[in-house]
Amino acid sequence: MIEHHPQDRAAGEFEPSEQRETRMQGRVLVVAGSDSGGGAGIQADIKTVTALGGYAMTAVTALTAQNTEGVNGIVETSAGFIGKQMRLVLKDIGADVIKIGMVPNEETIESVHYTYMEFAPDVPLVLDPVMMAKGGHPLIDRDAIHMVRQHFLLNSYIATPNIPEAEVLTGMEIHSLDDMKHAAEIMITLGCQRTLIKGGHFKRGESETIYDVLFDENGVEVFEDRRIDTPHTHGTGCTLASAIAVSLAQGMTIRDSVIRARAYVRQAILTAPGFGKGHGPLNHAHTVAPFHPERKTE
């Protein structure tokens, strides 16, 4: 087992070369729900892919009415129309990676699965198995969870569940780092090629250290960071998965993609704008230099 211990990064310490990068590389098709508050879902995905130099496309699975205090309502997109969004994008623009987030029901899962298998079976799939919003609102039918295992885990290049999601997918309780490692092993036996189990959901006070566990072809690797004391963590899961997706689309290895994504998310938390009364959004644009158009001289 490899232990990885990155240090906290100060504001503005993200790679300068990434701040200056302007060439767009890496096509990512995101299949997920919309967040009207702009902090998670499709909005976070587009911001992340763009901030890291990629090109984002979308198939919107649902509209949500929400803000930093929680989800107030959901309107699901018809399964056929979701498939149509994917099909038209894949036939025309194509994709280097497909990222799947919120898929609210069995019909949606079936449509996404069959469209993927017909039009992009060789494109790497990054699965962020979104099940609950930050405030606890369910974002997927319980009956659909077995189909996530059947259709998406078996085809995923990497799955990125948090602890509650990993508990649902594996059927075991997770209370420790050793439990996370065991759950990662189970995830592999369920069919996904690689998994990153995120440990941020351990209760505050239990540990000031956060662990993420990566299980890939090289075995288990543990990433460790100090917990950031902030409520502004809305959309961290969506953001991390999309950062991994665009990094893979740009030709990076899975380990380097995870390291880059974790650094990007951590800096986005540290520089969060502080918006809202609840779980606020991240600063997705911390890699982007402010645009100041030149003023015309007299």
C-alpha atoms as a PDB file:
ATOM      1  CA  MET A   1       0.000   0.000   0.000  1.00  0.00           C
ATOM      2  CA  ILE A   2       1.208   3.487  -0.872  1.00  0.00           C
ATOM      3  CA  GLU A   3       0.559   6.341   1.568  1.00  0.00           C
ATOM      4  CA  HIS A   4       0.253   9.840   0.101  1.00  0.00           C
ATOM      5  CA  HIS A   5       0.403  12.935   2.334  1.00  0.00           C
ATOM      6  CA  PRO A   6      -0.008  16.218   0.425  1.00  0.00           C
ATOM      7  CA  GLN A   7       0.276  19.428   2.434  1.00  0.00           C
ATOM      8  CA  ASP A   8      -2.324  22.189   2.522  1.00  0.00           C
ATOM      9  CA  ARG A   9      -1.990  24.586  -0.375  1.00  0.00           C
ATOM     10  CA  ALA A  10      -2.182  28.318   0.131  1.00  0.00           C
ATOM     11  CA  ALA A  11      -4.589  30.418  -1.921  1.00  0.00           C
ATOM     12  CA  GLY A  12      -3.302  30.937  -5.454  1.00  0.00           C
ATOM     13  CA  GLU A  13      -0.759  28.100  -5.286  1.00  0.00           C
ATOM     14  CA  PHE A  14      -2.353  25.991  -8.025  1.00  0.00           C
ATOM     15  CA  GLU A  15      -0.029  25.290 -10.951  1.00  0.00           C
ATOM     16  CA  PRO A  16       0.706  28.593 -12.756  1.00  0.00           C
ATOM     17  CA  SER A  17       0.941  26.736 -16.079  1.00  0.00           C
ATOM     18  CA  GLU A  18      -2.694  25.710 -15.632  1.00  0.00           C
ATOM     19  CA  GLN A  19      -3.683  29.308 -14.994  1.00  0.00           C
ATOM     20  CA  ARG A  20      -2.067  30.385 -18.240  1.00  0.00           C
ATOM     21  CA  GLU A  21      -3.362  27.463 -20.327  1.00  0.00           C
ATOM     22  CA  THR A  22      -5.758  28.611 -23.032  1.00  0.00           C
ATOM     23  CA  ARG A  23      -5.758  25.710 -25.509  1.00  0.00           C
ATOM     24  CA  MET A  24      -8.905  23.607 -25.169  1.00  0.00           C
ATOM     25  CA  GLN A  25      -8.260  19.869 -24.972  1.00  0.00           C
ATOM     26  CA  GLY A  26     -10.422  16.939 -23.916  1.00  0.00           C
ATOM     27  CA  ARG A  27     -14.123  16.443 -24.734  1.00  0.00           C
ATOM     28  CA  VAL A  28     -16.265  15.454 -21.751  1.00  0.00           C
ATOM     29  CA  LEU A  29     -19.937  14.536 -22.079  1.00  0.00           C
ATOM     30  CA  VAL A  30     -21.639  14.994 -18.702  1.00  0.00           C
ATOM     31  CA  VAL A  31     -24.890  13.128 -18.022  1.00  0.00           C
ATOM     32  CA  ALA A  32     -26.322  14.657 -14.856  1.00  0.00           C
ATOM     33  CA  GLY A  33     -28.935  16.877 -13.234  1.00  0.00           C
ATOM     34  CA  SER A  34     -29.060  20.662 -13.122  1.00  0.00           C
ATOM     35  CA  ASP A  35     -28.539  22.700  -9.933  1.00  0.00           C
ATOM     36  CA  SER A  36     -30.375  26.031 -10.003  1.00  0.00           C
ATOM     37  CA  GLY A  37     -28.009  27.303  -7.292  1.00  0.00           C
ATOM     38  CA  GLY A  38     -25.033  26.753  -9.594  1.00  0.00           C
ATOM     39  CA  GLY A  39     -22.861  24.913  -7.081  1.00  0.00           C
ATOM     40  CA  ALA A  40     -23.305  21.278  -8.055  1.00  0.00           C
ATOM     41  CA  GLY A  41     -24.609  19.130 -10.897  1.00  0.00           C
ATOM     42  CA  ILE A  42     -24.302  20.182 -14.524  1.00  0.00           C
ATOM     43  CA  GLN A  43     -23.307  23.724 -13.558  1.00  0.00           C
ATOM     44  CA  ALA A  44     -20.361  22.533 -11.455  1.00  0.00           C
ATOM     45  CA  ASP A  45     -19.391  20.040 -14.152  1.00  0.00           C
ATOM     46  CA  ILE A  46     -19.260  22.644 -16.911  1.00  0.00           C
ATOM     47  CA  LYS A  47     -17.296  25.071 -14.729  1.00  0.00           C
ATOM     48  CA  THR A  48     -14.788  22.403 -13.734  1.00  0.00           C
ATOM     49  CA  VAL A  49     -14.153  21.027 -17.210  1.00  0.00           C
ATOM     50  CA  THR A  50     -13.783  24.552 -18.590  1.00  0.00           C
ATOM     51  CA  ALA A  51     -11.513  25.734 -15.765  1.00  0.00           C
ATOM     52  CA  LEU A  52      -9.195  22.792 -16.436  1.00  0.00           C
ATOM     53  CA  GLY A  53      -8.984  23.450 -20.161  1.00  0.00           C
ATOM     54  CA  GLY A  54     -11.500  20.945 -21.525  1.00  0.00           C
ATOM     55  CA  TYR A  55     -14.717  21.119 -23.539  1.00  0.00           C
ATOM     56  CA  ALA A  56     -17.935  20.207 -21.716  1.00  0.00           C
ATOM     57  CA  MET A  57     -21.112  18.833 -23.301  1.00  0.00           C
ATOM     58  CA  THR A  58     -24.264  17.832 -21.425  1.00  0.00           C
ATOM     59  CA  ALA A  59     -27.269  15.564 -21.326  1.00  0.00           C
ATOM     60  CA  VAL A  60     -29.518  16.980 -18.587  1.00  0.00           C
ATOM     61  CA  THR A  61     -31.335  14.234 -16.653  1.00  0.00           C
ATOM     62  CA  ALA A  62     -33.364  16.460 -14.319  1.00  0.00           C
ATOM     63  CA  LEU A  63     -34.038  20.030 -13.272  1.00  0.00           C
ATOM     64  CA  THR A  64     -33.801  20.814  -9.573  1.00  0.00           C
ATOM     65  CA  ALA A  65     -35.085  23.837  -7.682  1.00  0.00           C
ATOM     66  CA  GLN A  66     -32.485  24.340  -4.976  1.00  0.00           C
ATOM     67  CA  ASN A  67     -30.129  26.727  -3.245  1.00  0.00           C
ATOM     68  CA  THR A  68     -27.447  26.350  -0.594  1.00  0.00           C
ATOM     69  CA  GLU A  69     -30.092  25.400   1.984  1.00  0.00           C
ATOM     70  CA  GLY A  70     -31.429  22.392   0.122  1.00  0.00           C
ATOM     71  CA  VAL A  71     -33.470  20.881  -2.713  1.00  0.00           C
ATOM     72  CA  ASN A  72     -37.051  22.116  -2.981  1.00  0.00           C
ATOM     73  CA  GLY A  73     -38.213  20.239  -6.079  1.00  0.00           C
ATOM     74  CA  ILE A  74     -37.184  17.997  -8.970  1.00  0.00           C
ATOM     75  CA  VAL A  75     -38.545  17.707 -12.507  1.00  0.00           C
ATOM     76  CA  GLU A  76     -37.138  14.673 -14.298  1.00  0.00           C
ATOM     77  CA  THR A  77     -36.295  14.731 -18.008  1.00  0.00           C
ATOM     78  CA  SER A  78     -37.936  12.014 -20.089  1.00  0.00           C
ATOM     79  CA  ALA A  79     -35.683   9.019 -20.643  1.00  0.00           C
ATOM     80  CA  GLY A  80     -36.030   9.215 -24.415  1.00  0.00           C
ATOM     81  CA  PHE A  81     -34.994  12.860 -24.510  1.00  0.00           C
ATOM     82  CA  ILE A  82     -31.936  12.155 -22.360  1.00  0.00           C
ATOM     83  CA  GLY A  83     -30.881   9.501 -24.847  1.00  0.00           C
ATOM     84  CA  LYS A  84     -31.493  11.927 -27.702  1.00  0.00           C
ATOM     85  CA  GLN A  85     -29.236  14.551 -26.103  1.00  0.00           C
ATOM     86  CA  MET A  86     -26.447  11.990 -25.761  1.00  0.00           C
ATOM     87  CA  ARG A  87     -26.929  10.532 -29.227  1.00  0.00           C
ATOM     88  CA  LEU A  88     -26.800  13.847 -31.086  1.00  0.00           C
ATOM     89  CA  VAL A  89     -23.691  15.018 -29.230  1.00  0.00           C
ATOM     90  CA  LEU A  90     -21.837  11.726 -29.664  1.00  0.00           C
ATOM     91  CA  LYS A  91     -22.642  11.423 -33.390  1.00  0.00           C
ATOM     92  CA  ASP A  92     -21.473  14.969 -34.111  1.00  0.00           C
ATOM     93  CA  ILE A  93     -18.829  16.165 -31.621  1.00  0.00           C
ATOM     94  CA  GLY A  94     -17.834  12.893 -29.990  1.00  0.00           C
ATOM     95  CA  ALA A  95     -16.392  12.451 -26.501  1.00  0.00           C
ATOM     96  CA  ASP A  96     -13.104  11.399 -24.964  1.00  0.00           C
ATOM     97  CA  VAL A  97     -14.715  10.641 -21.592  1.00  0.00           C
ATOM     98  CA  ILE A  98     -18.311  10.372 -20.386  1.00  0.00           C
ATOM     99  CA  LYS A  99     -19.124  11.389 -16.819  1.00  0.00           C
ATOM    100  CA  ILE A 100     -22.358  10.155 -15.251  1.00  0.00           C
ATOM    101  CA  GLY A 101     -23.859  11.889 -12.230  1.00  0.00           C
ATOM    102  CA  MET A 102     -27.526  12.084 -11.223  1.00  0.00           C
ATOM    103  CA  VAL A 103     -29.652   9.422 -12.939  1.00  0.00           C
ATOM    104  CA  PRO A 104     -32.945   9.577 -11.023  1.00  0.00           C
ATOM    105  CA  ASN A 105     -34.824   6.443 -12.085  1.00  0.00           C
ATOM    106  CA  GLU A 106     -34.708   3.094 -13.863  1.00  0.00           C
ATOM    107  CA  GLU A 107     -35.947   4.455 -17.199  1.00  0.00           C
ATOM    108  CA  THR A 108     -33.172   7.047 -17.255  1.00  0.00           C
ATOM    109  CA  ILE A 109     -30.538   4.457 -16.416  1.00  0.00           C
ATOM    110  CA  GLU A 110     -31.765   2.150 -19.179  1.00  0.00           C
ATOM    111  CA  SER A 111     -31.738   4.972 -21.735  1.00  0.00           C
ATOM    112  CA  VAL A 112     -28.264   6.205 -20.759  1.00  0.00           C
ATOM    113  CA  HIS A 113     -26.889   2.659 -20.727  1.00  0.00           C
ATOM    114  CA  TYR A 114     -28.185   1.622 -24.124  1.00  0.00           C
ATOM    115  CA  THR A 115     -27.225   4.922 -25.758  1.00  0.00           C
ATOM    116  CA  TYR A 116     -23.732   4.580 -24.315  1.00  0.00           C
ATOM    117  CA  MET A 117     -23.400   0.967 -25.467  1.00  0.00           C
ATOM    118  CA  GLU A 118     -24.579   1.802 -28.993  1.00  0.00           C
ATOM    119  CA  PHE A 119     -22.683   5.022 -29.640  1.00  0.00           C
ATOM    120  CA  ALA A 120     -19.680   5.116 -27.278  1.00  0.00           C
ATOM    121  CA  PRO A 121     -18.882   1.664 -25.839  1.00  0.00           C
ATOM    122  CA  ASP A 122     -15.127   2.272 -25.910  1.00  0.00           C
ATOM    123  CA  VAL A 123     -15.237   5.716 -24.288  1.00  0.00           C
ATOM    124  CA  PRO A 124     -14.064   5.661 -20.628  1.00  0.00           C
ATOM    125  CA  LEU A 125     -16.906   6.141 -18.163  1.00  0.00           C
ATOM    126  CA  VAL A 126     -16.452   8.114 -14.928  1.00  0.00           C
ATOM    127  CA  LEU A 127     -19.283   7.249 -12.540  1.00  0.00           C
ATOM    128  CA  ASP A 128     -20.212   9.601  -9.714  1.00  0.00           C
ATOM    129  CA  PRO A 129     -23.082   7.606  -8.167  1.00  0.00           C
ATOM    130  CA  VAL A 130     -25.115  10.573  -6.893  1.00  0.00           C
ATOM    131  CA  MET A 131     -27.819   9.418  -4.471  1.00  0.00           C
ATOM    132  CA  MET A 132     -28.406  12.154  -1.908  1.00  0.00           C
ATOM    133  CA  ALA A 133     -28.145  15.949  -1.900  1.00  0.00           C
ATOM    134  CA  LYS A 134     -26.080  17.658   0.823  1.00  0.00           C
ATOM    135  CA  GLY A 135     -29.242  18.319   2.840  1.00  0.00           C
ATOM    136  CA  GLY A 136     -30.362  14.687   2.655  1.00  0.00           C
ATOM    137  CA  HIS A 137     -32.882  14.929  -0.207  1.00  0.00           C
ATOM    138  CA  PRO A 138     -32.900  11.656  -2.230  1.00  0.00           C
ATOM    139  CA  LEU A 139     -31.854  12.109  -5.865  1.00  0.00           C
ATOM    140  CA  ILE A 140     -32.447   8.557  -7.112  1.00  0.00           C
ATOM    141  CA  ASP A 141     -35.212   5.988  -6.701  1.00  0.00           C
ATOM    142  CA  ARG A 142     -34.203   3.221  -4.305  1.00  0.00           C
ATOM    143  CA  ASP A 143     -35.387   0.656  -6.852  1.00  0.00           C
ATOM    144  CA  ALA A 144     -32.928   2.062  -9.399  1.00  0.00           C
ATOM    145  CA  ILE A 145     -29.799   1.482  -7.324  1.00  0.00           C
ATOM    146  CA  HIS A 146     -29.443  -2.151  -8.428  1.00  0.00           C
ATOM    147  CA  MET A 147     -29.438  -0.923 -12.028  1.00  0.00           C
ATOM    148  CA  VAL A 148     -26.573   1.451 -11.249  1.00  0.00           C
ATOM    149  CA  ARG A 149     -24.599  -1.610 -10.178  1.00  0.00           C
ATOM    150  CA  GLN A 150     -25.705  -3.668 -13.170  1.00  0.00           C
ATOM    151  CA  HIS A 151     -25.295  -1.118 -15.954  1.00  0.00           C
ATOM    152  CA  PHE A 152     -22.800   1.484 -14.775  1.00  0.00           C
ATOM    153  CA  LEU A 153     -20.420  -0.181 -12.334  1.00  0.00           C
ATOM    154  CA  LEU A 154     -19.759  -2.949 -14.835  1.00  0.00           C
ATOM    155  CA  ASN A 155     -18.784  -0.403 -17.490  1.00  0.00           C
ATOM    156  CA  SER A 156     -17.092   2.276 -15.402  1.00  0.00           C
ATOM    157  CA  TYR A 157     -13.437   3.150 -15.856  1.00  0.00           C
ATOM    158  CA  ILE A 158     -13.576   4.622 -12.345  1.00  0.00           C
ATOM    159  CA  ALA A 159     -16.370   5.113  -9.801  1.00  0.00           C
ATOM    160  CA  THR A 160     -16.128   7.896  -7.194  1.00  0.00           C
ATOM    161  CA  PRO A 161     -18.630   7.236  -4.372  1.00  0.00           C
ATOM    162  CA  ASN A 162     -18.606   9.059  -1.057  1.00  0.00           C
ATOM    163  CA  ILE A 163     -19.005   7.002   2.111  1.00  0.00           C
ATOM    164  CA  PRO A 164     -22.853   6.884   2.176  1.00  0.00           C
ATOM    165  CA  GLU A 165     -22.926   5.956  -1.511  1.00  0.00           C
ATOM    166  CA  ALA A 166     -20.247   3.296  -1.044  1.00  0.00           C
ATOM    167  CA  GLU A 167     -22.262   1.842   1.843  1.00  0.00           C
ATOM    168  CA  VAL A 168     -25.335   1.527  -0.368  1.00  0.00           C
ATOM    169  CA  LEU A 169     -23.422   0.026  -3.290  1.00  0.00           C
ATOM    170  CA  THR A 170     -21.427  -2.467  -1.205  1.00  0.00           C
ATOM    171  CA  GLY A 171     -24.014  -3.269   1.468  1.00  0.00           C
ATOM    172  CA  MET A 172     -21.527  -2.699   4.314  1.00  0.00           C
ATOM    173  CA  GLU A 173     -21.130  -0.008   6.958  1.00  0.00           C
ATOM    174  CA  ILE A 174     -18.029   2.167   6.797  1.00  0.00           C
ATOM    175  CA  HIS A 175     -16.641   3.551  10.065  1.00  0.00           C
ATOM    176  CA  SER A 176     -12.885   3.593   9.532  1.00  0.00           C
ATOM    177  CA  LEU A 177     -10.070   3.765   7.017  1.00  0.00           C
ATOM    178  CA  ASP A 178      -9.833  -0.039   7.043  1.00  0.00           C
ATOM    179  CA  ASP A 179     -13.559  -0.200   6.225  1.00  0.00           C
ATOM    180  CA  MET A 180     -12.963   2.154   3.289  1.00  0.00           C
ATOM    181  CA  LYS A 181     -10.225  -0.115   1.953  1.00  0.00           C
ATOM    182  CA  HIS A 182     -12.470  -3.163   2.284  1.00  0.00           C
ATOM    183  CA  ALA A 183     -15.350  -1.356   0.582  1.00  0.00           C
ATOM    184  CA  ALA A 184     -13.024  -0.416  -2.281  1.00  0.00           C
ATOM    185  CA  GLU A 185     -12.151  -4.081  -2.751  1.00  0.00           C
ATOM    186  CA  ILE A 186     -15.859  -4.965  -2.824  1.00  0.00           C
ATOM    187  CA  MET A 187     -16.486  -2.253  -5.415  1.00  0.00           C
ATOM    188  CA  ILE A 188     -13.935  -3.940  -7.671  1.00  0.00           C
ATOM    189  CA  THR A 189     -15.612  -7.316  -7.216  1.00  0.00           C
ATOM    190  CA  LEU A 190     -18.896  -5.655  -8.238  1.00  0.00           C
ATOM    191  CA  GLY A 191     -17.357  -4.942 -11.621  1.00  0.00           C
ATOM    192  CA  CYS A 192     -15.848  -1.454 -11.792  1.00  0.00           C
ATOM    193  CA  GLN A 193     -12.244  -1.299 -12.971  1.00  0.00           C
ATOM    194  CA  ARG A 194     -11.162   1.299 -10.412  1.00  0.00           C
ATOM    195  CA  THR A 195     -12.732   3.174  -7.535  1.00  0.00           C
ATOM    196  CA  LEU A 196     -12.014   6.230  -5.423  1.00  0.00           C
ATOM    197  CA  ILE A 197     -13.930   6.211  -2.136  1.00  0.00           C
ATOM    198  CA  LYS A 198     -14.085   9.698  -0.639  1.00  0.00           C
ATOM    199  CA  GLY A 199     -13.887  10.066   3.125  1.00  0.00           C
ATOM    200  CA  GLY A 200     -15.191  13.592   3.686  1.00  0.00           C
ATOM    201  CA  HIS A 201     -18.466  12.344   5.178  1.00  0.00           C
ATOM    202  CA  PHE A 202     -16.878  11.099   8.382  1.00  0.00           C
ATOM    203  CA  LYS A 203     -18.342  13.219  11.193  1.00  0.00           C
ATOM    204  CA  ARG A 204     -16.450  16.292  12.292  1.00  0.00           C
ATOM    205  CA  GLY A 205     -14.718  15.675  15.580  1.00  0.00           C
ATOM    206  CA  GLU A 206     -14.059  12.006  14.810  1.00  0.00           C
ATOM    207  CA  SER A 207     -10.912  12.937  12.915  1.00  0.00           C
ATOM    208  CA  GLU A 208      -9.225  16.080  11.669  1.00  0.00           C
ATOM    209  CA  THR A 209      -7.774  14.005   8.842  1.00  0.00           C
ATOM    210  CA  ILE A 210      -9.688  13.120   5.687  1.00  0.00           C
ATOM    211  CA  TYR A 211      -8.804   9.987   3.739  1.00  0.00           C
ATOM    212  CA  ASP A 212      -9.632   9.123   0.136  1.00  0.00           C
ATOM    213  CA  VAL A 213      -8.961   5.546  -0.968  1.00  0.00           C
ATOM    214  CA  LEU A 214      -8.037   4.712  -4.559  1.00  0.00           C
ATOM    215  CA  PHE A 215      -8.129   1.100  -5.714  1.00  0.00           C
ATOM    216  CA  ASP A 216      -6.705   0.523  -9.196  1.00  0.00           C
ATOM    217  CA  GLU A 217      -4.453  -1.906 -11.048  1.00  0.00           C
ATOM    218  CA  ASN A 218      -1.600  -0.984  -8.680  1.00  0.00           C
ATOM    219  CA  GLY A 219      -3.571  -1.871  -5.562  1.00  0.00           C
ATOM    220  CA  VAL A 220      -4.730   0.414  -2.761  1.00  0.00           C
ATOM    221  CA  GLU A 221      -3.450   3.968  -2.360  1.00  0.00           C
ATOM    222  CA  VAL A 222      -4.503   6.267   0.474  1.00  0.00           C
ATOM    223  CA  PHE A 223      -4.604  10.048   0.014  1.00  0.00           C
ATOM    224  CA  GLU A 224      -4.603  12.099   3.193  1.00  0.00           C
ATOM    225  CA  ASP A 225      -5.392  15.749   3.937  1.00  0.00           C
ATOM    226  CA  ARG A 226      -6.322  17.905   6.906  1.00  0.00           C
ATOM    227  CA  ARG A 227     -10.006  18.715   7.140  1.00  0.00           C
ATOM    228  CA  ILE A 228     -10.990  22.251   6.132  1.00  0.00           C
ATOM    229  CA  ASP A 229     -13.390  23.783   8.662  1.00  0.00           C
ATOM    230  CA  THR A 230     -15.991  25.304   6.326  1.00  0.00           C
ATOM    231  CA  PRO A 231     -19.653  24.840   5.341  1.00  0.00           C
ATOM    232  CA  HIS A 232     -18.831  25.748   1.741  1.00  0.00           C
ATOM    233  CA  THR A 233     -18.520  22.265   0.269  1.00  0.00           C
ATOM    234  CA  HIS A 234     -21.584  22.075  -1.993  1.00  0.00           C
ATOM    235  CA  GLY A 235     -20.764  20.235  -5.199  1.00  0.00           C
ATOM    236  CA  THR A 236     -17.439  18.731  -4.126  1.00  0.00           C
ATOM    237  CA  GLY A 237     -18.369  15.274  -5.417  1.00  0.00           C
ATOM    238  CA  CYS A 238     -19.548  16.515  -8.819  1.00  0.00           C
ATOM    239  CA  THR A 239     -16.494  18.731  -9.104  1.00  0.00           C
ATOM    240  CA  LEU A 240     -14.003  16.009  -8.194  1.00  0.00           C
ATOM    241  CA  ALA A 241     -15.475  13.505 -10.654  1.00  0.00           C
ATOM    242  CA  SER A 242     -15.522  16.054 -13.476  1.00  0.00           C
ATOM    243  CA  ALA A 243     -11.940  17.087 -12.712  1.00  0.00           C
ATOM    244  CA  ILE A 244     -10.916  13.423 -12.969  1.00  0.00           C
ATOM    245  CA  ALA A 245     -12.928  13.065 -16.185  1.00  0.00           C
ATOM    246  CA  VAL A 246     -11.347  16.027 -17.969  1.00  0.00           C
ATOM    247  CA  SER A 247      -7.873  14.994 -16.829  1.00  0.00           C
ATOM    248  CA  LEU A 248      -8.408  11.515 -18.289  1.00  0.00           C
ATOM    249  CA  ALA A 249      -9.762  13.119 -21.463  1.00  0.00           C
ATOM    250  CA  GLN A 250      -6.492  15.061 -21.708  1.00  0.00           C
ATOM    251  CA  GLY A 251      -4.430  11.876 -21.567  1.00  0.00           C
ATOM    252  CA  MET A 252      -3.395  11.789 -17.904  1.00  0.00           C
ATOM    253  CA  THR A 253      -3.056   8.539 -15.970  1.00  0.00           C
ATOM    254  CA  ILE A 254      -5.716   7.624 -13.422  1.00  0.00           C
ATOM    255  CA  ARG A 255      -3.412   8.375 -10.481  1.00  0.00           C
ATOM    256  CA  ASP A 256      -2.306  11.726 -11.873  1.00  0.00           C
ATOM    257  CA  SER A 257      -5.936  12.557 -12.670  1.00  0.00           C
ATOM    258  CA  VAL A 258      -6.951  11.865  -9.068  1.00  0.00           C
ATOM    259  CA  ILE A 259      -4.058  13.906  -7.669  1.00  0.00           C
ATOM    260  CA  ARG A 260      -4.850  16.837  -9.961  1.00  0.00           C
ATOM    261  CA  ALA A 261      -8.574  16.653  -9.190  1.00  0.00           C
ATOM    262  CA  ARG A 262      -8.011  16.565  -5.427  1.00  0.00           C
ATOM    263  CA  ALA A 263      -5.691  19.573  -5.610  1.00  0.00           C
ATOM    264  CA  TYR A 264      -8.204  21.488  -7.739  1.00  0.00           C
ATOM    265  CA  VAL A 265     -11.106  20.747  -5.371  1.00  0.00           C
ATOM    266  CA  ARG A 266      -9.106  21.568  -2.260  1.00  0.00           C
ATOM    267  CA  GLN A 267      -8.093  24.948  -3.653  1.00  0.00           C
ATOM    268  CA  ALA A 268     -11.692  25.567  -4.745  1.00  0.00           C
ATOM    269  CA  ILE A 269     -12.826  24.965  -1.147  1.00  0.00           C
ATOM    270  CA  LEU A 270     -10.084  27.130   0.350  1.00  0.00           C
ATOM    271  CA  THR A 271     -11.039  30.031  -1.934  1.00  0.00           C
ATOM    272  CA  ALA A 272     -14.831  29.524  -1.824  1.00  0.00           C
ATOM    273  CA  PRO A 273     -16.748  32.814  -2.237  1.00  0.00           C
ATOM    274  CA  GLY A 274     -18.928  32.275   0.846  1.00  0.00           C
ATOM    275  CA  PHE A 275     -22.269  32.610  -0.951  1.00  0.00           C
ATOM    276  CA  GLY A 276     -25.562  31.503   0.608  1.00  0.00           C
ATOM    277  CA  LYS A 277     -26.862  30.652   4.055  1.00  0.00           C
ATOM    278  CA  GLY A 278     -26.205  26.915   3.913  1.00  0.00           C
ATOM    279  CA  HIS A 279     -23.695  24.687   2.135  1.00  0.00           C
ATOM    280  CA  GLY A 280     -22.108  27.236  -0.175  1.00  0.00           C
ATOM    281  CA  PRO A 281     -20.508  26.668  -3.591  1.00  0.00           C
ATOM    282  CA  LEU A 282     -16.842  26.285  -4.390  1.00  0.00           C
ATOM    283  CA  ASN A 283     -14.617  28.633  -6.354  1.00  0.00           C
ATOM    284  CA  HIS A 284     -14.439  26.693  -9.599  1.00  0.00           C
ATOM    285  CA  ALA A 285     -12.682  29.560 -11.360  1.00  0.00           C
ATOM    286  CA  HIS A 286      -9.549  29.703  -9.214  1.00  0.00           C
ATOM    287  CA  THR A 287      -7.462  28.473 -12.166  1.00  0.00           C
ATOM    288  CA  VAL A 288      -8.778  31.249 -14.412  1.00  0.00           C
ATOM    289  CA  ALA A 289      -7.123  34.647 -14.575  1.00  0.00           C
ATOM    290  CA  PRO A 290      -9.617  37.545 -14.385  1.00  0.00           C
ATOM    291  CA  PHE A 291     -10.429  39.093 -17.748  1.00  0.00           C
ATOM    292  CA  HIS A 292      -9.821  42.822 -17.958  1.00  0.00           C
ATOM    293  CA  PRO A 293     -10.590  44.188 -21.443  1.00  0.00           C
ATOM    294  CA  GLU A 294      -8.318  46.991 -22.478  1.00  0.00           C
ATOM    295  CA  ARG A 295      -9.880  50.406 -22.306  1.00  0.00           C
ATOM    296  CA  LYS A 296      -9.889  52.441 -25.470  1.00  0.00           C
ATOM    297  CA  THR A 297      -7.588  55.424 -25.285  1.00  0.00           C
ATOM    298  CA  GLU A 298      -8.691  58.823 -26.510  1.00  0.00           C
END
